[in-house]
N, C-alpha and C. Protein backbone atom coordinates (compact mmCIF):
# COMPACT_ATOMS: atom_id res chain seq x y z
N UNK A 1 -107.22 -51.88 85.93
CA UNK A 1 -107.62 -51.88 84.54
C UNK A 1 -108.92 -51.08 84.44
N UNK A 2 -108.95 -50.15 83.49
CA UNK A 2 -110.18 -49.36 83.32
C UNK A 2 -111.17 -50.11 82.42
N UNK A 3 -112.38 -49.58 82.34
CA UNK A 3 -113.46 -50.25 81.60
C UNK A 3 -113.15 -50.40 80.12
N UNK A 4 -112.53 -49.38 79.52
CA UNK A 4 -112.22 -49.45 78.09
C UNK A 4 -111.22 -50.56 77.79
N UNK A 5 -110.22 -50.70 78.64
CA UNK A 5 -109.23 -51.76 78.45
C UNK A 5 -109.86 -53.12 78.69
N UNK A 6 -110.73 -53.23 79.69
CA UNK A 6 -111.42 -54.49 79.95
C UNK A 6 -112.28 -54.89 78.75
N UNK A 7 -112.98 -53.93 78.15
CA UNK A 7 -113.79 -54.23 76.96
C UNK A 7 -112.92 -54.72 75.82
N UNK A 8 -111.77 -54.08 75.63
CA UNK A 8 -110.85 -54.50 74.57
C UNK A 8 -110.33 -55.91 74.84
N UNK A 9 -109.99 -56.18 76.08
CA UNK A 9 -109.52 -57.52 76.46
C UNK A 9 -110.58 -58.57 76.19
N UNK A 10 -111.81 -58.32 76.59
CA UNK A 10 -112.88 -59.29 76.37
C UNK A 10 -113.14 -59.53 74.89
N UNK A 11 -113.02 -58.49 74.07
CA UNK A 11 -113.18 -58.64 72.62
C UNK A 11 -112.11 -59.59 72.08
N UNK A 12 -110.87 -59.39 72.49
CA UNK A 12 -109.77 -60.25 72.02
C UNK A 12 -109.95 -61.68 72.51
N UNK A 13 -110.35 -61.85 73.76
CA UNK A 13 -110.56 -63.20 74.30
C UNK A 13 -111.66 -63.92 73.53
N UNK A 14 -112.76 -63.24 73.22
CA UNK A 14 -113.84 -63.87 72.43
C UNK A 14 -113.33 -64.30 71.06
N UNK A 15 -112.56 -63.44 70.42
CA UNK A 15 -112.01 -63.78 69.10
C UNK A 15 -111.08 -65.00 69.19
N UNK A 16 -110.25 -65.02 70.21
CA UNK A 16 -109.31 -66.12 70.39
C UNK A 16 -110.06 -67.42 70.68
N UNK A 17 -111.08 -67.37 71.52
CA UNK A 17 -111.87 -68.57 71.82
C UNK A 17 -112.49 -69.15 70.55
N UNK A 18 -113.06 -68.28 69.70
CA UNK A 18 -113.66 -68.75 68.45
C UNK A 18 -112.60 -69.41 67.56
N UNK A 19 -111.42 -68.83 67.51
CA UNK A 19 -110.35 -69.38 66.69
C UNK A 19 -109.90 -70.74 67.19
N UNK A 20 -109.78 -70.88 68.50
CA UNK A 20 -109.36 -72.17 69.06
C UNK A 20 -110.40 -73.24 68.78
N UNK A 21 -111.67 -72.92 68.94
CA UNK A 21 -112.74 -73.88 68.64
C UNK A 21 -112.68 -74.31 67.18
N UNK A 22 -112.31 -73.40 66.30
CA UNK A 22 -112.21 -73.70 64.87
C UNK A 22 -110.88 -74.37 64.51
N UNK A 23 -110.12 -74.73 65.56
CA UNK A 23 -108.81 -75.37 65.39
C UNK A 23 -107.79 -74.46 64.72
N UNK A 24 -107.98 -73.18 64.87
CA UNK A 24 -107.01 -72.18 64.42
C UNK A 24 -106.42 -71.58 65.69
N UNK A 25 -105.19 -71.20 65.67
CA UNK A 25 -104.57 -70.69 66.88
C UNK A 25 -103.70 -69.47 66.60
N UNK A 26 -104.29 -68.39 66.12
CA UNK A 26 -103.46 -67.22 65.85
C UNK A 26 -103.20 -66.41 67.11
N UNK A 27 -102.12 -65.68 67.09
CA UNK A 27 -101.93 -64.62 68.08
C UNK A 27 -102.82 -63.47 67.61
N UNK A 28 -103.46 -62.80 68.55
CA UNK A 28 -104.35 -61.69 68.21
C UNK A 28 -103.95 -60.48 69.05
N UNK A 29 -103.82 -59.34 68.40
CA UNK A 29 -103.58 -58.09 69.12
C UNK A 29 -104.65 -57.09 68.70
N UNK A 30 -105.19 -56.40 69.68
CA UNK A 30 -106.13 -55.31 69.41
C UNK A 30 -105.49 -54.03 69.93
N UNK A 31 -105.47 -53.02 69.10
CA UNK A 31 -104.96 -51.71 69.49
C UNK A 31 -106.09 -50.71 69.34
N UNK A 32 -106.17 -49.78 70.26
CA UNK A 32 -107.26 -48.80 70.23
C UNK A 32 -106.68 -47.42 70.44
N UNK A 33 -107.03 -46.54 69.52
CA UNK A 33 -106.61 -45.15 69.58
C UNK A 33 -107.67 -44.32 68.89
N UNK A 34 -107.32 -43.71 67.76
CA UNK A 34 -108.31 -42.98 66.97
C UNK A 34 -109.41 -43.93 66.49
N UNK A 35 -109.06 -45.20 66.33
CA UNK A 35 -110.01 -46.26 65.99
C UNK A 35 -109.47 -47.57 66.56
N UNK A 36 -110.28 -48.62 66.53
CA UNK A 36 -109.82 -49.93 66.99
C UNK A 36 -109.36 -50.74 65.79
N UNK A 37 -108.25 -51.43 65.96
CA UNK A 37 -107.70 -52.26 64.90
C UNK A 37 -107.33 -53.61 65.52
N UNK A 38 -107.74 -54.69 64.89
CA UNK A 38 -107.43 -56.04 65.36
C UNK A 38 -106.58 -56.73 64.31
N UNK A 39 -105.42 -57.24 64.72
CA UNK A 39 -104.50 -57.95 63.84
C UNK A 39 -104.31 -59.37 64.37
N UNK A 40 -104.06 -60.30 63.46
CA UNK A 40 -103.78 -61.67 63.89
C UNK A 40 -102.62 -62.23 63.09
N UNK A 41 -102.00 -63.25 63.66
CA UNK A 41 -100.84 -63.86 63.01
C UNK A 41 -100.81 -65.34 63.37
N UNK A 42 -100.79 -66.20 62.36
CA UNK A 42 -100.80 -67.63 62.60
C UNK A 42 -99.41 -68.21 62.83
N UNK A 43 -98.37 -67.47 62.50
CA UNK A 43 -97.00 -67.98 62.64
C UNK A 43 -96.31 -67.49 63.91
N UNK A 44 -97.02 -66.78 64.76
CA UNK A 44 -96.43 -66.15 65.94
C UNK A 44 -95.63 -67.13 66.79
N UNK A 45 -96.16 -68.31 67.01
CA UNK A 45 -95.50 -69.29 67.87
C UNK A 45 -94.43 -70.11 67.15
N UNK A 46 -94.26 -69.91 65.86
CA UNK A 46 -93.30 -70.70 65.09
C UNK A 46 -91.87 -70.49 65.58
N UNK A 47 -91.48 -69.22 65.72
CA UNK A 47 -90.12 -68.92 66.19
C UNK A 47 -90.04 -67.47 66.64
N UNK A 48 -88.91 -67.11 67.20
CA UNK A 48 -88.71 -65.76 67.72
C UNK A 48 -88.80 -64.70 66.63
N UNK A 49 -88.27 -64.99 65.46
CA UNK A 49 -88.30 -64.02 64.36
C UNK A 49 -89.73 -63.73 63.92
N UNK A 50 -90.56 -64.76 63.83
CA UNK A 50 -91.96 -64.56 63.44
C UNK A 50 -92.70 -63.73 64.49
N UNK A 51 -92.45 -64.01 65.75
CA UNK A 51 -93.08 -63.25 66.83
C UNK A 51 -92.64 -61.79 66.78
N UNK A 52 -91.36 -61.56 66.61
CA UNK A 52 -90.84 -60.19 66.56
C UNK A 52 -91.41 -59.43 65.37
N UNK A 53 -91.55 -60.09 64.23
CA UNK A 53 -92.10 -59.44 63.04
C UNK A 53 -93.55 -59.01 63.27
N UNK A 54 -94.34 -59.88 63.89
CA UNK A 54 -95.74 -59.53 64.18
C UNK A 54 -95.81 -58.38 65.17
N UNK A 55 -94.99 -58.44 66.21
CA UNK A 55 -94.99 -57.38 67.21
C UNK A 55 -94.56 -56.04 66.60
N UNK A 56 -93.62 -56.08 65.67
CA UNK A 56 -93.18 -54.86 64.99
C UNK A 56 -94.30 -54.29 64.13
N UNK A 57 -95.00 -55.17 63.38
CA UNK A 57 -96.14 -54.71 62.56
C UNK A 57 -97.22 -54.09 63.45
N UNK A 58 -97.50 -54.74 64.57
CA UNK A 58 -98.52 -54.22 65.49
C UNK A 58 -98.11 -52.86 66.05
N UNK A 59 -96.85 -52.71 66.40
CA UNK A 59 -96.35 -51.44 66.94
C UNK A 59 -96.44 -50.33 65.89
N UNK A 60 -96.14 -50.65 64.64
CA UNK A 60 -96.24 -49.65 63.57
C UNK A 60 -97.68 -49.19 63.40
N UNK A 61 -98.61 -50.13 63.40
CA UNK A 61 -100.03 -49.78 63.28
C UNK A 61 -100.49 -48.97 64.49
N UNK A 62 -100.00 -49.35 65.66
CA UNK A 62 -100.37 -48.64 66.89
C UNK A 62 -99.94 -47.17 66.80
N UNK A 63 -98.74 -46.93 66.31
CA UNK A 63 -98.27 -45.56 66.15
C UNK A 63 -99.13 -44.79 65.14
N UNK A 64 -99.55 -45.47 64.08
CA UNK A 64 -100.36 -44.82 63.04
C UNK A 64 -101.69 -44.31 63.58
N UNK A 65 -102.28 -45.04 64.52
CA UNK A 65 -103.61 -44.65 65.02
C UNK A 65 -103.56 -43.99 66.39
N UNK A 66 -102.37 -43.64 66.86
CA UNK A 66 -102.26 -42.96 68.14
C UNK A 66 -102.82 -43.78 69.28
N UNK A 67 -102.29 -44.98 69.45
CA UNK A 67 -102.84 -45.96 70.38
C UNK A 67 -102.90 -45.45 71.83
N UNK A 68 -104.03 -45.74 72.48
CA UNK A 68 -104.21 -45.46 73.90
C UNK A 68 -104.07 -46.74 74.73
N UNK A 69 -104.46 -47.86 74.13
CA UNK A 69 -104.42 -49.14 74.85
C UNK A 69 -104.26 -50.26 73.84
N UNK A 70 -103.74 -51.39 74.33
CA UNK A 70 -103.56 -52.55 73.48
C UNK A 70 -103.68 -53.81 74.32
N UNK A 71 -104.06 -54.91 73.64
CA UNK A 71 -104.17 -56.22 74.26
C UNK A 71 -103.60 -57.24 73.28
N UNK A 72 -102.73 -58.11 73.79
CA UNK A 72 -102.14 -59.18 72.98
C UNK A 72 -102.51 -60.51 73.63
N UNK A 73 -103.05 -61.43 72.83
CA UNK A 73 -103.40 -62.76 73.32
C UNK A 73 -102.74 -63.80 72.42
N UNK A 74 -102.10 -64.78 73.06
CA UNK A 74 -101.43 -65.85 72.33
C UNK A 74 -101.90 -67.17 72.91
N UNK A 75 -102.51 -68.04 72.10
CA UNK A 75 -102.98 -69.32 72.63
C UNK A 75 -101.81 -70.25 72.95
N UNK A 76 -101.92 -70.95 74.02
CA UNK A 76 -100.93 -71.93 74.43
C UNK A 76 -101.61 -73.29 74.47
N UNK A 77 -101.97 -73.78 73.28
CA UNK A 77 -102.67 -75.06 73.21
C UNK A 77 -101.81 -76.13 72.63
């Protein structure tokens, strides 16, 4: 893992930790390309369709910004 990906991962982990402490448990994805974009979804763990919809939205945004790297974090609490 290179330094840029590690930085992106740590950013997502910090965001996820704050959400869990606040009793919120969203899935969080950060994509980085021409700019960094962070998306979250509270229904990700509800069912397969919700997860697929979030992943599709994230992929569309990733294509829009010419993504170089991405990190997805899903709390298992």
